[in-house]
Protein backbone atom coordinates (compact mmCIF):
# COMPACT_ATOMS: atom_id res chain seq x y z
CA MET A 1 -0.23 -0.19 -0.25
CA ALA A 2 1.99 3.08 1.79
CA ASN A 3 0.82 6.67 0.49
CA SER A 4 -2.61 6.00 -1.62
CA SER A 5 -2.27 9.69 -2.49
CA ILE A 6 0.36 9.52 -5.45
CA PRO A 7 -1.00 7.84 -8.90
CA ALA A 8 0.75 6.33 -10.99
CA VAL A 9 3.80 8.04 -12.68
CA ALA A 10 5.16 7.43 -16.72
CA THR A 11 8.51 6.90 -17.00
CA GLN A 12 10.94 6.30 -19.23
CA VAL A 13 13.39 3.35 -17.30
CA THR A 14 14.45 0.17 -18.00
CA HIS A 15 15.70 -2.40 -15.54
CA HIS A 16 19.22 -1.38 -17.18
CA THR A 17 18.49 2.14 -15.94
CA LEU A 18 17.66 0.99 -12.77
CA TRP A 19 20.80 -1.70 -11.96
CA GLN A 20 23.02 1.88 -12.99
CA ALA A 21 21.29 4.15 -10.88
CA LEU A 22 21.64 2.18 -8.10
CA THR A 23 24.54 0.01 -8.70
CA GLY A 24 27.06 2.39 -10.36
CA SER A 25 28.07 -0.19 -12.39
CA ALA A 26 27.13 -1.67 -16.18
CA PRO A 27 24.53 -4.16 -15.87
CA PRO A 28 25.11 -7.49 -16.09
CA ARG A 29 24.36 -9.04 -19.99
CA HIS A 30 21.61 -11.04 -18.96
CA LEU A 31 19.83 -8.70 -17.20
CA PRO A 32 16.99 -7.83 -20.10
CA PRO A 33 16.51 -4.20 -20.87
CA ILE A 34 12.83 -4.47 -20.12
CA PRO A 35 11.33 -1.30 -20.23
CA ILE A 36 9.30 -0.08 -17.22
CA GLY A 37 5.83 1.71 -18.29
CA ARG A 38 5.36 3.29 -14.78
CA ALA A 39 5.79 4.01 -11.38
CA VAL A 40 4.16 3.55 -8.02
CA VAL A 41 4.01 3.85 -4.39
CA ASP A 42 0.78 2.63 -3.52
CA SER A 43 0.62 -1.56 -4.68
CA ARG A 44 -2.83 -1.32 -5.36
CA LEU A 45 -1.90 1.28 -7.91
CA ALA A 46 0.33 -1.49 -9.63
CA THR A 47 -0.45 -3.58 -13.29
CA PRO A 48 1.60 -6.00 -15.13
CA GLY A 49 4.95 -4.42 -15.97
CA ASP A 50 5.39 -1.40 -12.97
CA LEU A 51 7.78 -0.35 -10.59
CA PHE A 52 6.30 -0.22 -7.32
CA ALA A 53 8.84 1.81 -5.14
CA ALA A 54 8.49 0.32 -1.17
CA LEU A 55 8.79 3.82 0.59
CA PRO A 56 8.40 4.13 4.16
CA GLY A 57 5.31 6.52 5.48
CA ASP A 58 4.05 8.19 8.42
CA ARG A 59 1.26 5.11 9.53
CA THR A 60 2.42 2.41 6.82
CA ASP A 61 5.74 1.10 4.82
CA GLY A 62 5.64 0.37 1.85
CA ASN A 63 8.06 -2.68 2.22
CA ASP A 64 5.75 -4.57 4.06
CA PHE A 65 3.68 -4.52 0.93
CA VAL A 66 5.94 -6.37 -1.84
CA GLY A 67 3.89 -9.40 -1.47
CA ASP A 68 0.75 -7.32 -3.02
CA ALA A 69 2.96 -5.92 -5.86
CA LEU A 70 4.22 -9.35 -7.00
CA GLU A 71 0.62 -10.55 -7.09
CA ARG A 72 -0.52 -7.56 -9.17
CA GLN A 73 2.23 -8.23 -11.66
CA ALA A 74 5.10 -5.88 -10.98
CA ARG A 75 8.00 -6.06 -13.06
CA ALA A 76 10.65 -3.91 -11.01
CA VAL A 77 10.36 -3.52 -6.86
CA ILE A 78 12.81 -1.21 -4.70
CA CYS A 79 12.46 -2.39 -1.44
CA GLU A 80 14.83 -2.65 1.83
CA PRO A 81 15.72 -5.88 2.88
CA GLN A 82 13.11 -6.43 5.69
CA ALA A 83 10.79 -7.05 2.04
CA LEU A 84 12.62 -9.96 1.58
CA GLN A 85 11.14 -11.62 5.11
CA GLY A 86 8.22 -13.56 4.77
CA LEU A 87 7.86 -13.45 0.35
CA ASP A 88 6.91 -17.09 -1.04
CA PRO A 89 9.85 -17.35 -4.11
CA ALA A 90 7.69 -20.29 -5.15
CA SER A 91 4.45 -18.09 -5.86
CA HIS A 92 6.18 -15.64 -7.66
CA PRO A 93 8.83 -15.79 -10.14
CA VAL A 94 11.58 -13.31 -8.93
CA VAL A 95 15.32 -12.42 -8.79
CA ILE A 96 16.87 -10.10 -6.31
CA ALA A 97 19.35 -7.35 -7.42
CA ASN A 98 21.35 -7.12 -4.15
CA CYS A 99 22.51 -3.14 -4.89
CA ARG A 100 25.40 -3.75 -1.87
CA THR A 101 27.07 -6.81 -3.56
CA GLN A 102 26.27 -5.84 -6.95
CA SER A 103 25.04 -9.17 -8.16
CA LEU A 104 21.84 -10.91 -9.57
CA GLU A 105 20.77 -13.45 -6.87
CA SER A 106 18.01 -16.67 -6.36
CA PRO A 107 15.88 -15.41 -3.57
CA ASP A 108 16.09 -19.09 -1.56
CA ALA A 109 19.97 -20.01 -2.35
CA GLY A 110 21.44 -16.88 -2.87
CA GLU A 111 23.59 -18.03 -6.17
CA SER A 112 23.73 -16.20 -9.41
CA ALA A 113 20.76 -16.03 -11.34
CA TYR A 114 19.31 -15.09 -14.80
CA PRO A 115 16.03 -13.20 -14.69
CA THR A 116 13.44 -13.23 -18.23
CA SER A 117 10.81 -11.65 -18.83
CA GLU A 118 8.41 -13.08 -16.72
CA HIS A 119 10.84 -12.45 -13.35
CA CYS A 120 10.39 -9.59 -11.14
CA VAL A 121 13.78 -8.13 -9.95
CA LEU A 122 13.66 -6.55 -6.38
CA TYR A 123 16.58 -4.15 -6.07
CA VAL A 124 17.11 -4.50 -2.33
CA VAL A 125 18.90 -0.96 -1.05
CA PRO A 126 19.66 0.13 2.52
CA ASP A 127 17.31 3.53 2.14
CA SER A 128 14.19 3.14 -0.64
CA MET A 129 14.00 6.53 -0.25
CA GLN A 130 17.18 7.71 -1.42
CA ALA A 131 17.13 5.39 -4.04
CA ILE A 132 14.31 6.41 -5.94
CA ARG A 133 16.22 9.67 -5.52
CA ASN A 134 19.43 8.15 -7.27
CA VAL A 135 16.79 6.70 -10.32
CA GLY A 136 15.51 10.22 -10.84
CA LEU A 137 18.76 12.35 -10.96
CA PHE A 138 20.21 9.76 -12.89
CA GLN A 139 17.63 9.96 -15.46
CA ARG A 140 18.23 13.95 -15.28
CA LEU A 141 21.22 13.65 -15.54
CA HIS A 142 22.26 10.71 -18.33
CA ARG A 143 18.85 10.20 -20.27
CA THR A 144 18.16 13.51 -20.96
CA ARG A 145 19.62 16.24 -24.27
CA ARG A 146 22.60 18.39 -22.76
CA SER A 147 20.43 21.48 -24.30
CA LEU A 148 17.56 20.44 -22.08
CA ARG A 149 16.07 23.68 -19.80
CA VAL A 150 14.44 23.42 -16.67
CA VAL A 151 11.72 25.78 -15.15
CA GLY A 152 11.05 25.11 -11.30
CA ILE A 153 7.79 26.99 -9.78
CA THR A 154 7.69 27.79 -6.43
CA GLY A 155 5.42 30.24 -4.11
CA SER A 156 2.54 29.72 -1.19
CA VAL A 157 -0.45 30.20 -3.97
CA GLY A 158 -0.93 29.56 -7.76
CA LYS A 159 2.22 27.44 -8.34
CA SER A 160 0.07 24.51 -10.33
CA SER A 161 -2.26 27.79 -12.03
CA THR A 162 1.49 29.07 -13.56
CA LYS A 163 2.77 25.67 -14.02
CA GLU A 164 0.14 25.06 -16.74
CA LEU A 165 0.33 28.22 -17.72
CA VAL A 166 3.68 27.77 -18.62
CA ARG A 167 3.45 24.50 -19.90
CA SER A 168 0.87 25.44 -22.44
CA VAL A 169 3.01 27.86 -23.67
CA PHE A 170 5.96 25.85 -24.10
CA SER A 171 4.38 23.38 -25.87
CA GLN A 172 3.38 25.75 -28.91
CA HIS A 173 7.50 25.62 -29.35
CA PHE A 174 9.16 23.04 -27.66
CA GLU A 175 8.86 19.13 -26.77
CA THR A 176 8.10 19.68 -23.33
CA TYR A 177 7.33 17.62 -20.47
CA CYS A 178 5.39 18.65 -16.82
CA ASN A 179 5.05 17.03 -13.46
CA PRO A 180 1.39 15.87 -13.50
CA GLY A 181 -1.06 17.17 -11.48
CA ASN A 182 0.25 18.45 -8.37
CA LEU A 183 3.32 16.19 -7.70
CA ASN A 184 5.67 18.33 -6.44
CA GLY A 185 7.29 17.00 -3.40
CA GLU A 186 10.16 15.44 -2.62
CA HIS A 187 8.67 12.14 -2.35
CA VAL A 188 7.28 11.90 -5.79
CA LEU A 189 9.55 14.46 -7.69
CA PRO A 190 12.16 11.50 -8.29
CA LEU A 191 9.08 9.66 -9.72
CA VAL A 192 8.27 12.28 -12.29
CA LEU A 193 12.07 12.48 -12.97
CA MET A 194 11.77 8.87 -14.62
CA GLY A 195 9.48 10.67 -17.18
CA LEU A 196 12.24 12.78 -19.17
CA SER A 197 13.73 11.63 -22.01
CA HIS A 198 15.95 12.96 -24.66
CA ILE A 199 13.06 14.09 -26.66
CA HIS A 200 11.95 16.68 -24.14
CA GLU A 201 13.65 20.38 -25.01
CA ARG A 202 11.68 21.93 -21.72
CA PHE A 203 10.77 20.59 -18.12
CA VAL A 204 8.44 22.25 -15.72
CA THR A 205 7.55 21.39 -12.81
CA GLU A 206 6.39 23.22 -9.68
CA LEU A 207 8.31 22.55 -6.36
CA GLY A 208 6.04 21.97 -3.07
CA MET A 209 7.62 22.41 0.64
CA TYR A 210 6.89 21.37 3.80
CA ARG A 211 10.03 22.22 5.75
CA LEU A 212 13.26 24.37 5.21
CA GLY A 213 15.98 22.83 2.82
CA GLU A 214 13.34 21.01 0.95
CA ILE A 215 13.06 22.95 -2.14
CA ASN A 216 17.20 23.45 -2.48
CA GLU A 217 16.98 19.12 -2.50
CA MET A 218 14.56 19.11 -4.75
CA CYS A 219 16.98 21.48 -7.02
CA GLY A 220 19.58 19.06 -6.27
CA LEU A 221 17.60 16.94 -8.61
CA THR A 222 15.77 19.09 -11.16
CA LEU A 223 19.25 21.91 -11.53
CA PRO A 224 16.66 24.23 -12.66
CA HIS A 225 17.56 27.20 -15.19
CA LEU A 226 14.53 29.07 -14.48
CA GLY A 227 12.95 29.93 -11.62
CA ILE A 228 9.32 31.10 -11.13
CA VAL A 229 7.85 32.85 -7.96
CA THR A 230 4.45 33.47 -7.61
CA ASN A 231 4.16 34.99 -3.56
CA VAL A 232 5.26 34.76 -0.21
CA GLY A 233 1.74 34.04 2.16
CA PRO A 234 0.90 32.18 5.54
CA SER A 235 0.00 28.59 3.53
CA HIS A 236 1.63 26.12 5.66
CA LEU A 237 2.68 28.60 8.36
CA GLU A 238 2.19 26.12 10.91
CA ARG A 239 4.70 23.56 9.93
CA LEU A 240 7.46 26.38 9.18
CA GLY A 241 6.64 28.13 12.23
CA THR A 242 6.75 32.15 10.62
CA ILE A 243 6.81 33.74 7.52
CA GLU A 244 10.43 34.94 7.51
CA ASN A 245 10.82 30.48 7.56
CA ILE A 246 8.33 30.34 4.31
CA PHE A 247 10.32 33.27 2.92
CA ARG A 248 13.62 31.19 3.66
CA ALA A 249 12.11 28.14 1.85
CA LYS A 250 10.50 29.30 -0.98
CA SER A 251 13.94 31.90 -2.10
CA GLU A 252 16.21 28.27 -1.89
CA LEU A 253 14.76 27.95 -5.43
CA VAL A 254 15.99 31.43 -6.90
CA ARG A 255 19.47 30.89 -4.57
CA ALA A 256 20.09 27.20 -6.75
CA LEU A 257 20.11 28.85 -10.06
CA PRO A 258 22.47 29.03 -11.97
CA PRO A 259 24.29 32.96 -12.80
CA ALA A 260 23.26 34.78 -15.53
CA GLU A 261 26.37 34.37 -17.29
CA SER A 262 25.01 30.40 -17.36
CA GLY A 263 21.49 31.10 -18.22
CA GLY A 264 20.35 31.58 -14.67
CA VAL A 265 16.58 33.93 -14.87
CA ALA A 266 14.92 34.36 -11.78
CA ILE A 267 10.97 35.63 -12.39
CA LEU A 268 9.52 37.38 -9.43
CA ASN A 269 6.45 38.38 -8.63
CA TRP A 270 7.33 42.33 -8.33
CA ASP A 271 4.30 43.01 -6.60
CA ASP A 272 4.98 41.31 -3.30
CA PRO A 273 7.66 42.89 -0.91
CA MET A 274 9.02 39.20 0.32
CA VAL A 275 9.73 38.28 -3.55
CA GLN A 276 11.30 41.15 -4.09
CA ARG A 277 13.90 40.53 -1.56
CA MET A 278 15.06 37.51 -3.54
CA GLU A 279 16.62 39.93 -6.12
CA THR A 280 19.47 40.33 -3.60
CA LEU A 281 19.85 36.05 -3.06
CA THR A 282 20.20 35.03 -7.03
CA GLU A 283 23.03 35.30 -9.25
CA ALA A 284 20.64 34.94 -12.56
CA GLN A 285 19.30 37.22 -14.03
CA VAL A 286 16.14 39.10 -12.43
CA VAL A 287 12.91 39.19 -14.51
CA LYS A 288 10.16 41.50 -12.32
CA VAL A 289 7.00 41.20 -13.32
CA GLY A 290 3.74 42.75 -12.00
CA LEU A 291 1.23 45.54 -12.47
CA ALA A 292 3.78 48.30 -11.16
CA PRO A 293 4.98 50.87 -13.54
CA ASP A 294 8.84 49.79 -12.88
CA CYS A 295 8.35 45.77 -13.99
CA ASP A 296 9.79 44.23 -17.21
CA VAL A 297 6.68 42.72 -17.83
CA ARG A 298 3.46 44.10 -16.72
CA ALA A 299 -0.19 44.86 -16.91
CA ASP A 300 -2.57 47.55 -16.92
CA GLN A 301 -6.08 48.33 -17.76
CA ILE A 302 -7.23 45.29 -16.20
CA GLN A 303 -11.06 44.49 -16.65
CA SER A 304 -13.04 41.51 -15.96
CA ALA A 305 -14.66 40.15 -19.19
CA GLY A 306 -16.85 37.76 -16.22
CA PHE A 307 -17.20 34.17 -17.37
CA LYS A 308 -15.39 35.19 -20.57
CA GLY A 309 -12.15 35.57 -18.53
CA CYS A 310 -10.36 39.00 -18.41
CA ARG A 311 -8.86 41.53 -20.80
CA PHE A 312 -5.58 43.75 -20.26
CA ARG A 313 -2.85 45.99 -21.56
CA LEU A 314 0.36 43.76 -21.68
CA HIS A 315 3.68 45.67 -21.37
CA LEU A 316 6.57 43.46 -22.75
CA PRO A 317 10.21 44.27 -22.04
CA GLN A 318 12.60 46.44 -22.73
CA PHE A 319 15.33 44.11 -23.08
CA LEU A 320 13.79 42.63 -25.62
CA TYR A 321 11.73 45.94 -27.39
CA PRO A 322 14.17 48.61 -26.44
CA SER A 323 11.63 51.16 -27.99
CA GLY A 324 8.88 49.66 -26.19
CA ARG A 325 5.89 47.45 -27.17
CA THR A 326 1.78 46.94 -25.70
CA ILE A 327 -0.72 44.87 -27.07
CA HIS A 328 -4.03 44.12 -25.85
CA VAL A 329 -4.66 40.34 -24.28
CA LYS A 330 -7.66 38.57 -23.46
CA SER A 331 -7.42 35.52 -21.58
CA PRO A 332 -10.18 32.94 -20.77
CA LEU A 333 -8.98 32.51 -17.21
CA LEU A 334 -11.38 33.54 -14.28
CA GLY A 335 -10.37 36.30 -12.08
CA ARG A 336 -7.98 39.52 -11.95
CA HIS A 337 -5.68 37.05 -9.73
CA SER A 338 -4.83 35.12 -12.72
CA VAL A 339 -3.15 38.22 -14.57
CA HIS A 340 -0.12 38.04 -12.45
CA ASN A 341 0.09 33.71 -13.41
CA THR A 342 -0.18 34.98 -16.95
CA LEU A 343 2.28 37.73 -16.65
CA LEU A 344 5.25 34.90 -15.30
CA ALA A 345 3.58 32.38 -17.81
CA THR A 346 4.61 35.44 -20.71
CA ALA A 347 7.68 36.73 -19.09
CA ALA A 348 8.90 32.70 -19.35
CA GLY A 349 7.89 32.67 -22.88
CA LEU A 350 10.00 35.82 -24.05
CA VAL A 351 13.55 34.88 -21.76
CA GLU A 352 13.30 31.20 -23.56
CA GLY A 353 12.78 32.79 -26.96
CA ILE A 354 9.42 32.05 -27.89
CA PRO A 355 7.52 33.48 -30.90
CA LEU A 356 5.39 35.98 -29.42
CA GLN A 357 2.11 34.57 -31.30
CA LYS A 358 2.69 31.43 -30.05
CA ILE A 359 3.31 32.68 -26.36
CA LEU A 360 -0.61 34.38 -27.04
CA ALA A 361 -1.60 31.18 -28.17
CA GLY A 362 -0.91 29.06 -25.47
CA LEU A 363 -2.09 31.49 -23.14
CA ARG A 364 -5.51 31.59 -24.90
CA ASP A 365 -5.97 27.55 -24.35
CA PRO A 366 -9.02 27.22 -22.07
CA ASN A 367 -7.95 24.08 -20.42
CA ASN A 368 -5.14 26.20 -18.41
CA GLN A 369 -8.11 26.82 -15.95
CA ILE A 370 -7.32 24.17 -13.36
CA ARG A 371 -7.38 25.62 -9.85
CA LEU A 372 -11.11 26.92 -10.46
CA MET A 373 -14.26 25.51 -12.07
CA LEU A 374 -17.75 26.36 -13.56
CA VAL A 375 -20.39 23.75 -13.13
CA ASP A 376 -23.51 23.25 -13.91
CA GLY A 377 -25.43 23.49 -10.64
CA VAL A 378 -28.64 22.44 -9.19
CA ASN A 379 -31.76 24.22 -10.01
CA ASN A 380 -30.13 25.91 -12.86
CA SER A 381 -27.21 27.51 -10.80
CA THR A 382 -23.71 27.66 -11.02
CA LEU A 383 -20.79 26.66 -9.11
CA ILE A 384 -17.03 28.17 -8.73
CA ASP A 385 -15.55 25.43 -7.79
CA ASP A 386 -12.42 26.23 -6.01
CA THR A 387 -12.41 23.81 -3.68
CA TYR A 388 -8.11 23.00 -4.38
CA ASN A 389 -7.05 24.48 -1.15
CA ALA A 390 -7.32 27.10 0.99
CA SER A 391 -5.31 30.50 2.14
CA GLU A 392 -5.98 33.84 2.70
CA ALA A 393 -4.35 35.35 -0.34
CA SER A 394 -6.45 32.46 -2.26
CA ALA A 395 -10.01 32.53 -0.56
CA LEU A 396 -9.60 36.61 -1.06
CA ALA A 397 -9.11 36.05 -4.92
CA ALA A 398 -11.97 33.83 -4.91
CA LEU A 399 -14.01 36.31 -3.56
CA ASN A 400 -13.33 38.75 -5.47
CA LEU A 401 -14.49 36.65 -8.85
CA LEU A 402 -17.63 36.70 -7.11
CA ALA A 403 -18.19 40.03 -6.67
CA ASP A 404 -16.71 40.10 -10.57
CA LEU A 405 -18.62 37.93 -11.66
CA LYS A 406 -22.67 38.86 -12.60
CA PRO A 407 -25.95 36.09 -11.71
CA GLU A 408 -28.44 36.07 -14.26
CA ARG A 409 -31.66 37.61 -13.84
CA HIS A 410 -32.41 37.42 -10.12
CA GLY A 411 -29.51 35.08 -9.21
CA ARG A 412 -27.75 35.58 -6.06
CA ARG A 413 -24.23 35.84 -5.05
CA ILE A 414 -23.59 33.18 -2.54
CA ALA A 415 -20.23 32.28 -0.62
CA VAL A 416 -19.27 28.66 0.81
CA LEU A 417 -16.35 29.04 2.66
CA GLY A 418 -14.87 26.04 4.63
CA ASP A 419 -12.19 26.05 7.14
CA MET A 420 -8.45 27.27 6.08
CA ARG A 421 -5.79 24.52 7.56
CA GLU A 422 -2.02 25.19 8.25
CA LEU A 423 -2.19 29.08 8.75
CA GLY A 424 -0.48 28.66 12.24
CA SER A 425 -0.61 32.10 14.16
CA SER A 426 -2.90 34.02 11.25
CA THR A 427 -5.11 31.25 11.42
CA GLU A 428 -7.75 33.62 13.37
CA THR A 429 -6.44 36.71 11.66
CA SER A 430 -7.19 35.28 8.16
CA HIS A 431 -10.73 33.87 8.50
CA LEU A 432 -11.61 37.18 10.28
CA ILE A 433 -10.31 38.97 6.86
CA VAL A 434 -12.25 36.77 4.85
CA GLY A 435 -14.93 37.00 7.11
CA ARG A 436 -15.40 40.97 6.51
CA HIS A 437 -14.71 40.86 2.45
CA ALA A 438 -17.17 38.24 2.31
CA ALA A 439 -20.28 39.92 3.88
CA ASN A 440 -18.66 42.73 1.17
CA VAL A 441 -19.46 40.62 -2.31
CA SER A 442 -22.08 38.14 -1.08
CA ASN A 443 -25.78 38.03 -0.72
CA LEU A 444 -25.71 34.88 1.61
CA LEU A 445 -22.95 33.53 3.59
CA VAL A 446 -22.44 29.41 4.26
CA THR A 447 -19.67 28.42 6.85
CA VAL A 448 -18.40 24.91 7.16
CA GLY A 449 -16.30 23.57 9.95
CA GLN A 450 -15.20 24.88 13.66
CA LEU A 451 -13.03 27.94 12.12
CA GLY A 452 -15.62 28.58 9.45
CA ARG A 453 -17.38 29.82 12.65
CA LEU A 454 -14.94 32.68 12.89
CA ILE A 455 -15.83 33.78 9.19
CA SER A 456 -19.45 34.04 10.09
CA ASP A 457 -18.43 36.14 13.16
CA ALA A 458 -16.49 38.66 10.90
CA ALA A 459 -19.34 38.95 8.51
CA ARG A 460 -22.12 39.66 11.18
CA ALA A 461 -19.59 42.01 13.06
CA SER A 462 -19.53 43.64 9.60
CA HIS A 463 -23.07 43.91 9.66
CA MET A 464 -23.95 41.29 7.33
CA ALA A 465 -28.11 40.29 8.00
CA ALA A 466 -28.14 37.61 10.68
CA GLU A 467 -30.40 35.65 8.14
CA ALA A 468 -27.72 36.08 5.31
CA VAL A 469 -25.01 33.97 7.71
CA TYR A 470 -25.70 30.47 7.86
CA GLN A 471 -23.24 28.02 10.24
CA THR A 472 -22.55 24.34 9.55
CA ALA A 473 -20.29 21.92 11.15
CA HIS A 474 -19.39 19.79 8.64
CA ALA A 475 -19.73 19.38 4.35
CA GLU A 476 -22.86 17.11 4.78
CA GLU A 477 -25.02 19.50 6.75
CA ALA A 478 -23.68 22.27 4.48
CA LEU A 479 -25.07 20.48 1.41
CA SER A 480 -28.41 19.73 2.84
CA LEU A 481 -29.04 23.09 3.91
CA LEU A 482 -27.71 24.28 0.57
CA SER A 483 -30.15 21.84 -1.28
CA ASP A 484 -33.24 24.04 0.38
CA LEU A 485 -31.30 27.49 -0.16
CA VAL A 486 -30.42 27.47 -3.88
CA ARG A 487 -32.66 29.54 -6.19
CA PRO A 488 -32.33 29.49 -10.09
CA ASP A 489 -29.67 31.94 -11.71
CA ASP A 490 -27.98 31.60 -8.32
CA LEU A 491 -24.17 31.92 -8.57
CA ILE A 492 -22.22 29.95 -5.59
CA LEU A 493 -18.10 29.68 -4.73
CA ILE A 494 -17.27 26.88 -3.07
CA LYS A 495 -14.09 27.27 -1.08
CA GLY A 496 -11.75 25.67 1.43
CA SER A 497 -9.55 23.53 2.67
CA ARG A 498 -9.98 19.56 1.89
CA ALA A 499 -9.41 18.54 5.01
CA VAL A 500 -12.98 20.16 5.41
CA GLY A 501 -14.71 18.29 2.24
CA MET A 502 -15.72 21.36 0.32
CA GLU A 503 -15.52 18.83 -3.03
CA GLU A 504 -18.34 16.91 -1.28
CA ILE A 505 -20.52 19.91 -1.72
CA VAL A 506 -19.52 20.32 -5.24
CA SER A 507 -20.75 16.91 -5.95
CA GLY A 508 -23.34 16.92 -4.15
CA LEU A 509 -24.77 20.29 -6.10
CA SER A 510 -24.08 19.31 -9.02
CA ALA A 511 -25.50 16.18 -8.98
CA ARG A 512 -29.11 16.73 -7.76
CA ARG A 513 -32.16 17.99 -9.28
CA PHE A 514 -35.03 19.41 -8.02
């Protein structure tokens, strides 16, 4: 089993790749170079031909589930010695690759073995987590073209959205590989790296973070040339303790970039004062992005186009257009906050020499809208599904979008807001700020969870009518309430941390019919 939240990842590795990465030696001539199509860290996801990485977890140890992976016909396993205890060699044709002695052994006699395509090769290592890092780094260093350039993206809010925009822009001009979904942490990034190959010209990846030093370690694996920082906010404050620690963690990306003369570029959201401070921490070229007049790539005249996205005037950088150039851009992305993500992706495309028309084509792709979706709701209502996660900044941005969008006919603006987790010492203040803003932009407010009560209290204190504010303890109660409240043409924002189950409200309101 192990981590059930991490899906299968497509790979470009073979048994030869694994042997070389894990032993540092040439593979035995009788080890077949069989391709391994996918890598999993949850044995239940294993299918015939997969690699199962048996990683230790907080609650379970993947080494306890090697037998399950063999039952599902995995063809490669990375595991630690204890995983061999209790395995029945007669039940599954296996060969043990002893990475310490650099030998292939029979599981029962320890003698030399000759695997066939029917065998599962068990790569036995002292530390399976370090082993998959070694495989990912080997693929990055030795199985890619020398000209591959890597874009690393970090920030408290907007990493995934910016990553998808950069991927869309780069794909117009380069063979581009991108980390799927939100696989952006130290335990899964090595699996993502296994998907790199010689065909790729650009690799775009977001870099998540739960502790100091983690981004630096991931930079050691990915070796980024471009670094994009979206913002620095109180997300994960509970883990890191102070906003200064979050700044230090996010700045590890720009510190790791090569100097400007070696192609290093730091693309910074210049409207965030803490991100501005990173300019002095890198030797890379700094490209300033935002709304301020001194930005290299900037936007003004921003207008919401409602459900059709937004429009703005784009100012192109003088280091590319010395006499200056502006163009008018229409983006399908919802919300004024999406302009910053668009500017960051535009800057990345310009720095990498992508023609402007191709950049604009990439920005226009409607599939870039991943975090915030419009869903047809019950009773001819419209749901704004922003349930991916929540912080003060993202909740305020979502409420601003609710204010920008106009319901049809007599519809109302309804904000359904849940707990925002992992905000540490700013938890109470952030919920109160969101509550005050909700009172200004919504006709009805429904809160979910214990912390959601703070949002309700702040909305009432901001003179929102008591009969327009509803408090619920959990998602099921909120769904039951909303089923009775929703009227035709209502516009309903649903926002909150995953831990509160806000996605259940979206599912319920989009599936029911009155």
